[in-house]
Amino acid sequence: MTNLLIPILVDALVVDDVLNENEAQSWARNAVNYKRTLDFQAPNSDILQRTNDAETGVHLQWILPDELCHGEQKENENVVFHKVPNRWLVSRLHLDKNGKIAIKSWLV
């Protein structure tokens, strides 16, 4: 097993009851549903339909490092991609009210 530590920019959306009840905070769903293609419909949902039904919790979004997004192919062989981690350590660093660096981490 190899350990690899790469800083990645993570976007986080905290969804709670207050956010879900606030009509001004509704957003368009960008989820893809490939079952829709069975009926010859586009897999993406209606981007004009706004909703407030996100599950409560923290929704994370990030992009894999470039090195993990490209495969290699030798002549007459299949494309081989690097293995992608199935566990991520997400750490949040910020200044607390005393101006000291505070850190909190989660294993995702």
N, C-alpha and C. Protein backbone atom coordinates (compact mmCIF):
# COMPACT_ATOMS: atom_id res chain seq x y z
N MET A 1 0.84 -1.18 0.00
CA MET A 1 0.00 0.00 0.00
C MET A 1 0.89 1.24 0.00
N THR A 2 0.52 2.19 -0.81
CA THR A 2 1.28 3.43 -0.92
C THR A 2 0.46 4.58 -0.36
N ASN A 3 1.10 5.42 0.44
CA ASN A 3 0.43 6.61 0.94
C ASN A 3 0.73 7.77 0.01
N LEU A 4 -0.28 8.55 -0.28
CA LEU A 4 -0.15 9.68 -1.18
C LEU A 4 -0.91 10.85 -0.57
N LEU A 5 -0.24 11.98 -0.45
CA LEU A 5 -0.87 13.16 0.13
C LEU A 5 -0.82 14.28 -0.90
N ILE A 6 -1.99 14.67 -1.39
CA ILE A 6 -2.09 15.71 -2.41
C ILE A 6 -3.15 16.71 -1.96
N PRO A 7 -2.79 17.99 -1.83
CA PRO A 7 -3.82 18.97 -1.49
C PRO A 7 -4.78 19.18 -2.66
N ILE A 8 -6.07 19.18 -2.36
CA ILE A 8 -7.11 19.34 -3.37
C ILE A 8 -8.10 20.37 -2.86
N LEU A 9 -8.53 21.25 -3.74
CA LEU A 9 -9.56 22.21 -3.38
C LEU A 9 -10.90 21.50 -3.34
N VAL A 10 -11.61 21.65 -2.22
CA VAL A 10 -12.89 20.99 -2.03
C VAL A 10 -13.97 22.05 -1.84
N ASP A 11 -15.08 21.89 -2.55
CA ASP A 11 -16.25 22.73 -2.32
C ASP A 11 -17.19 21.94 -1.42
N ALA A 12 -17.75 22.61 -0.42
CA ALA A 12 -18.66 21.95 0.51
C ALA A 12 -19.94 22.76 0.63
N LEU A 13 -21.06 22.07 0.62
CA LEU A 13 -22.37 22.68 0.82
C LEU A 13 -23.00 22.02 2.03
N VAL A 14 -23.24 22.80 3.07
CA VAL A 14 -23.88 22.28 4.27
C VAL A 14 -25.38 22.43 4.09
N VAL A 15 -26.09 21.32 4.13
CA VAL A 15 -27.55 21.33 3.97
C VAL A 15 -28.18 20.95 5.30
N ASP A 16 -29.01 21.83 5.81
CA ASP A 16 -29.76 21.56 7.03
C ASP A 16 -31.23 21.89 6.79
N ASP A 17 -32.06 21.74 7.82
CA ASP A 17 -33.49 22.00 7.67
C ASP A 17 -33.75 23.44 7.28
N VAL A 18 -32.97 24.37 7.81
CA VAL A 18 -33.16 25.79 7.51
C VAL A 18 -32.93 26.03 6.02
N LEU A 19 -31.88 25.46 5.46
CA LEU A 19 -31.58 25.65 4.04
C LEU A 19 -32.67 25.03 3.17
N ASN A 20 -33.12 23.84 3.54
CA ASN A 20 -34.14 23.16 2.74
C ASN A 20 -35.49 23.87 2.80
N GLU A 21 -35.77 24.61 3.87
CA GLU A 21 -37.05 25.31 4.00
C GLU A 21 -37.03 26.70 3.39
N ASN A 22 -35.87 27.21 3.04
CA ASN A 22 -35.74 28.57 2.53
C ASN A 22 -35.90 28.55 1.01
N GLU A 23 -37.01 29.09 0.53
CA GLU A 23 -37.28 29.12 -0.92
C GLU A 23 -36.22 29.89 -1.69
N ALA A 24 -35.64 30.92 -1.09
CA ALA A 24 -34.64 31.73 -1.78
C ALA A 24 -33.35 30.95 -2.01
N GLN A 25 -33.16 29.85 -1.27
CA GLN A 25 -31.93 29.06 -1.38
C GLN A 25 -32.10 27.84 -2.28
N SER A 26 -33.19 27.75 -3.03
CA SER A 26 -33.38 26.58 -3.88
C SER A 26 -32.35 26.60 -5.01
N TRP A 27 -32.06 25.45 -5.55
CA TRP A 27 -31.07 25.35 -6.62
C TRP A 27 -31.54 24.33 -7.64
N ALA A 28 -30.96 24.40 -8.80
CA ALA A 28 -31.31 23.45 -9.87
C ALA A 28 -30.56 22.15 -9.65
N ARG A 29 -31.23 21.06 -9.89
CA ARG A 29 -30.60 19.75 -9.78
C ARG A 29 -29.72 19.51 -10.99
N ASN A 30 -28.51 19.04 -10.76
CA ASN A 30 -27.60 18.73 -11.85
C ASN A 30 -27.32 17.24 -11.93
N ALA A 31 -28.08 16.46 -11.17
CA ALA A 31 -27.84 15.02 -11.14
C ALA A 31 -28.17 14.39 -12.49
N VAL A 32 -27.43 13.36 -12.82
CA VAL A 32 -27.65 12.63 -14.07
C VAL A 32 -28.34 11.31 -13.73
N ASN A 33 -29.40 11.00 -14.46
CA ASN A 33 -30.14 9.76 -14.27
C ASN A 33 -30.13 9.00 -15.60
N TYR A 34 -29.25 8.03 -15.71
CA TYR A 34 -29.10 7.32 -16.98
C TYR A 34 -30.27 6.39 -17.28
N LYS A 35 -31.13 6.11 -16.30
CA LYS A 35 -32.33 5.30 -16.57
C LYS A 35 -33.27 6.03 -17.53
N ARG A 36 -33.17 7.35 -17.57
CA ARG A 36 -34.01 8.13 -18.48
C ARG A 36 -33.69 7.80 -19.95
N THR A 37 -32.48 7.35 -20.22
CA THR A 37 -32.11 7.03 -21.60
C THR A 37 -32.84 5.80 -22.12
N LEU A 38 -33.38 4.96 -21.22
CA LEU A 38 -34.15 3.80 -21.65
C LEU A 38 -35.42 4.22 -22.38
N ASP A 39 -35.93 5.41 -22.04
CA ASP A 39 -37.11 5.98 -22.71
C ASP A 39 -36.71 7.03 -23.73
N PHE A 40 -35.45 7.01 -24.15
CA PHE A 40 -34.92 7.94 -25.14
C PHE A 40 -35.03 9.40 -24.68
N GLN A 41 -34.89 9.61 -23.38
CA GLN A 41 -34.86 10.96 -22.82
C GLN A 41 -33.43 11.31 -22.47
N ALA A 42 -33.17 12.60 -22.38
CA ALA A 42 -31.83 13.05 -21.98
C ALA A 42 -31.57 12.61 -20.54
N PRO A 43 -30.33 12.20 -20.23
CA PRO A 43 -30.04 11.71 -18.88
C PRO A 43 -30.01 12.80 -17.81
N ASN A 44 -29.85 14.05 -18.22
CA ASN A 44 -29.81 15.11 -17.22
C ASN A 44 -31.23 15.54 -16.87
N SER A 45 -31.39 15.99 -15.63
CA SER A 45 -32.71 16.42 -15.18
C SER A 45 -33.02 17.79 -15.77
N ASP A 46 -34.24 18.22 -15.60
CA ASP A 46 -34.68 19.52 -16.09
C ASP A 46 -33.96 20.61 -15.30
N ILE A 47 -33.05 21.33 -15.95
CA ILE A 47 -32.25 22.32 -15.22
C ILE A 47 -33.07 23.52 -14.78
N LEU A 48 -34.27 23.67 -15.34
CA LEU A 48 -35.11 24.79 -14.94
C LEU A 48 -35.96 24.46 -13.72
N GLN A 49 -36.06 23.17 -13.40
CA GLN A 49 -36.84 22.76 -12.23
C GLN A 49 -35.99 22.95 -10.98
N ARG A 50 -36.47 23.78 -10.08
CA ARG A 50 -35.72 24.06 -8.87
C ARG A 50 -36.27 23.22 -7.73
N THR A 51 -35.41 22.88 -6.80
CA THR A 51 -35.82 21.97 -5.73
C THR A 51 -35.13 22.31 -4.42
N ASN A 52 -35.68 21.83 -3.35
CA ASN A 52 -35.09 21.99 -2.02
C ASN A 52 -35.06 20.64 -1.31
N ASP A 53 -34.88 19.57 -2.03
CA ASP A 53 -34.99 18.25 -1.42
C ASP A 53 -33.64 17.56 -1.23
N ALA A 54 -32.59 18.31 -1.04
CA ALA A 54 -31.27 17.71 -0.82
C ALA A 54 -31.24 17.04 0.55
N GLU A 55 -30.50 15.95 0.65
CA GLU A 55 -30.38 15.27 1.93
C GLU A 55 -29.59 16.13 2.90
N THR A 56 -29.99 16.07 4.17
CA THR A 56 -29.30 16.81 5.22
C THR A 56 -27.87 16.27 5.36
N GLY A 57 -26.92 17.17 5.50
CA GLY A 57 -25.52 16.79 5.67
C GLY A 57 -24.61 17.72 4.91
N VAL A 58 -23.38 17.31 4.74
CA VAL A 58 -22.40 18.10 4.00
C VAL A 58 -22.17 17.41 2.66
N HIS A 59 -22.39 18.14 1.59
CA HIS A 59 -22.19 17.62 0.24
C HIS A 59 -20.84 18.15 -0.27
N LEU A 60 -19.94 17.22 -0.60
CA LEU A 60 -18.59 17.59 -1.04
C LEU A 60 -18.45 17.39 -2.54
N GLN A 61 -17.66 18.26 -3.14
CA GLN A 61 -17.35 18.14 -4.56
C GLN A 61 -15.90 18.51 -4.77
N TRP A 62 -15.19 17.67 -5.50
CA TRP A 62 -13.80 17.98 -5.84
C TRP A 62 -13.46 17.31 -7.16
N ILE A 63 -12.34 17.69 -7.70
CA ILE A 63 -11.87 17.13 -8.97
C ILE A 63 -10.60 16.34 -8.68
N LEU A 64 -10.52 15.17 -9.26
CA LEU A 64 -9.31 14.36 -9.09
C LEU A 64 -8.10 15.06 -9.69
N PRO A 65 -6.92 14.85 -9.12
CA PRO A 65 -5.71 15.40 -9.71
C PRO A 65 -5.53 14.86 -11.14
N ASP A 66 -4.94 15.68 -12.00
CA ASP A 66 -4.76 15.30 -13.41
C ASP A 66 -4.10 13.93 -13.58
N GLU A 67 -3.13 13.64 -12.75
CA GLU A 67 -2.40 12.38 -12.88
C GLU A 67 -3.32 11.17 -12.74
N LEU A 68 -4.40 11.30 -11.98
CA LEU A 68 -5.32 10.18 -11.78
C LEU A 68 -6.43 10.14 -12.84
N CYS A 69 -6.46 11.11 -13.72
CA CYS A 69 -7.54 11.21 -14.72
C CYS A 69 -7.12 10.72 -16.10
N HIS A 70 -5.88 10.32 -16.26
CA HIS A 70 -5.38 9.92 -17.57
C HIS A 70 -4.85 8.49 -17.50
N GLY A 71 -5.18 7.72 -18.51
CA GLY A 71 -4.70 6.35 -18.58
C GLY A 71 -3.51 6.24 -19.52
N GLU A 72 -2.89 5.07 -19.50
CA GLU A 72 -1.77 4.79 -20.39
C GLU A 72 -2.11 3.54 -21.19
N GLN A 73 -1.72 3.55 -22.45
CA GLN A 73 -1.99 2.39 -23.30
C GLN A 73 -0.75 2.01 -24.07
N LYS A 74 -0.33 0.77 -23.87
CA LYS A 74 0.78 0.23 -24.64
C LYS A 74 0.20 -0.41 -25.90
N GLU A 75 1.04 -0.55 -26.90
CA GLU A 75 0.57 -1.09 -28.18
C GLU A 75 -0.10 -2.45 -27.99
N ASN A 76 -1.27 -2.61 -28.59
CA ASN A 76 -2.06 -3.84 -28.54
C ASN A 76 -2.51 -4.23 -27.13
N GLU A 77 -2.63 -3.27 -26.24
CA GLU A 77 -3.11 -3.54 -24.88
C GLU A 77 -4.24 -2.57 -24.53
N ASN A 78 -4.96 -2.90 -23.49
CA ASN A 78 -6.04 -2.03 -23.02
C ASN A 78 -5.47 -0.82 -22.30
N VAL A 79 -6.29 0.20 -22.20
CA VAL A 79 -5.90 1.40 -21.44
C VAL A 79 -5.87 1.04 -19.96
N VAL A 80 -4.82 1.46 -19.27
CA VAL A 80 -4.68 1.21 -17.84
C VAL A 80 -4.69 2.55 -17.12
N PHE A 81 -5.60 2.68 -16.17
CA PHE A 81 -5.69 3.91 -15.37
C PHE A 81 -5.06 3.67 -14.01
N HIS A 82 -4.53 4.74 -13.42
CA HIS A 82 -4.01 4.65 -12.06
C HIS A 82 -5.16 4.36 -11.10
N LYS A 83 -4.88 3.66 -10.05
CA LYS A 83 -5.91 3.38 -9.05
C LYS A 83 -6.24 4.66 -8.30
N VAL A 84 -7.52 4.84 -8.04
CA VAL A 84 -7.99 6.02 -7.32
C VAL A 84 -8.31 5.60 -5.89
N PRO A 85 -7.92 6.40 -4.91
CA PRO A 85 -8.20 6.05 -3.51
C PRO A 85 -9.70 5.89 -3.26
N ASN A 86 -10.03 4.96 -2.35
CA ASN A 86 -11.42 4.80 -1.96
C ASN A 86 -11.68 5.37 -0.56
N ARG A 87 -10.67 5.98 0.01
CA ARG A 87 -10.81 6.69 1.28
C ARG A 87 -10.05 8.00 1.16
N TRP A 88 -10.66 9.06 1.67
CA TRP A 88 -10.06 10.38 1.58
C TRP A 88 -10.03 11.01 2.95
N LEU A 89 -8.93 11.67 3.28
CA LEU A 89 -8.86 12.45 4.50
C LEU A 89 -9.15 13.89 4.12
N VAL A 90 -10.27 14.41 4.59
CA VAL A 90 -10.66 15.79 4.31
C VAL A 90 -10.38 16.60 5.56
N SER A 91 -9.54 17.62 5.43
CA SER A 91 -9.18 18.47 6.57
C SER A 91 -9.58 19.91 6.30
N ARG A 92 -10.12 20.55 7.32
CA ARG A 92 -10.50 21.96 7.21
C ARG A 92 -9.61 22.74 8.16
N LEU A 93 -8.90 23.72 7.60
CA LEU A 93 -8.05 24.60 8.38
C LEU A 93 -8.64 25.99 8.35
N HIS A 94 -8.73 26.62 9.52
CA HIS A 94 -9.24 27.99 9.59
C HIS A 94 -8.69 28.66 10.84
N LEU A 95 -8.83 29.97 10.89
CA LEU A 95 -8.41 30.70 12.08
C LEU A 95 -9.56 30.74 13.06
N ASP A 96 -9.28 30.38 14.32
CA ASP A 96 -10.32 30.45 15.34
C ASP A 96 -10.47 31.88 15.84
N LYS A 97 -11.34 32.10 16.83
CA LYS A 97 -11.61 33.45 17.31
C LYS A 97 -10.40 34.10 17.96
N ASN A 98 -9.39 33.30 18.34
CA ASN A 98 -8.16 33.83 18.93
C ASN A 98 -7.05 34.03 17.89
N GLY A 99 -7.37 33.77 16.63
CA GLY A 99 -6.38 33.95 15.57
C GLY A 99 -5.43 32.77 15.41
N LYS A 100 -5.71 31.66 16.09
CA LYS A 100 -4.86 30.47 15.97
C LYS A 100 -5.45 29.53 14.92
N ILE A 101 -4.57 28.78 14.28
CA ILE A 101 -5.02 27.84 13.26
C ILE A 101 -5.74 26.68 13.94
N ALA A 102 -6.95 26.42 13.49
CA ALA A 102 -7.74 25.29 13.98
C ALA A 102 -7.89 24.31 12.82
N ILE A 103 -7.87 23.03 13.15
CA ILE A 103 -8.00 22.01 12.12
C ILE A 103 -9.00 20.96 12.57
N LYS A 104 -9.82 20.53 11.62
CA LYS A 104 -10.74 19.43 11.88
C LYS A 104 -10.67 18.52 10.66
N SER A 105 -10.65 17.22 10.89
CA SER A 105 -10.50 16.27 9.79
C SER A 105 -11.56 15.18 9.85
N TRP A 106 -11.90 14.68 8.66
CA TRP A 106 -12.86 13.60 8.52
C TRP A 106 -12.30 12.58 7.55
N LEU A 107 -12.57 11.31 7.79
CA LEU A 107 -12.21 10.26 6.85
C LEU A 107 -13.46 9.95 6.03
N VAL A 108 -13.36 10.18 4.73
CA VAL A 108 -14.51 10.01 3.84
C VAL A 108 -14.26 8.80 2.96
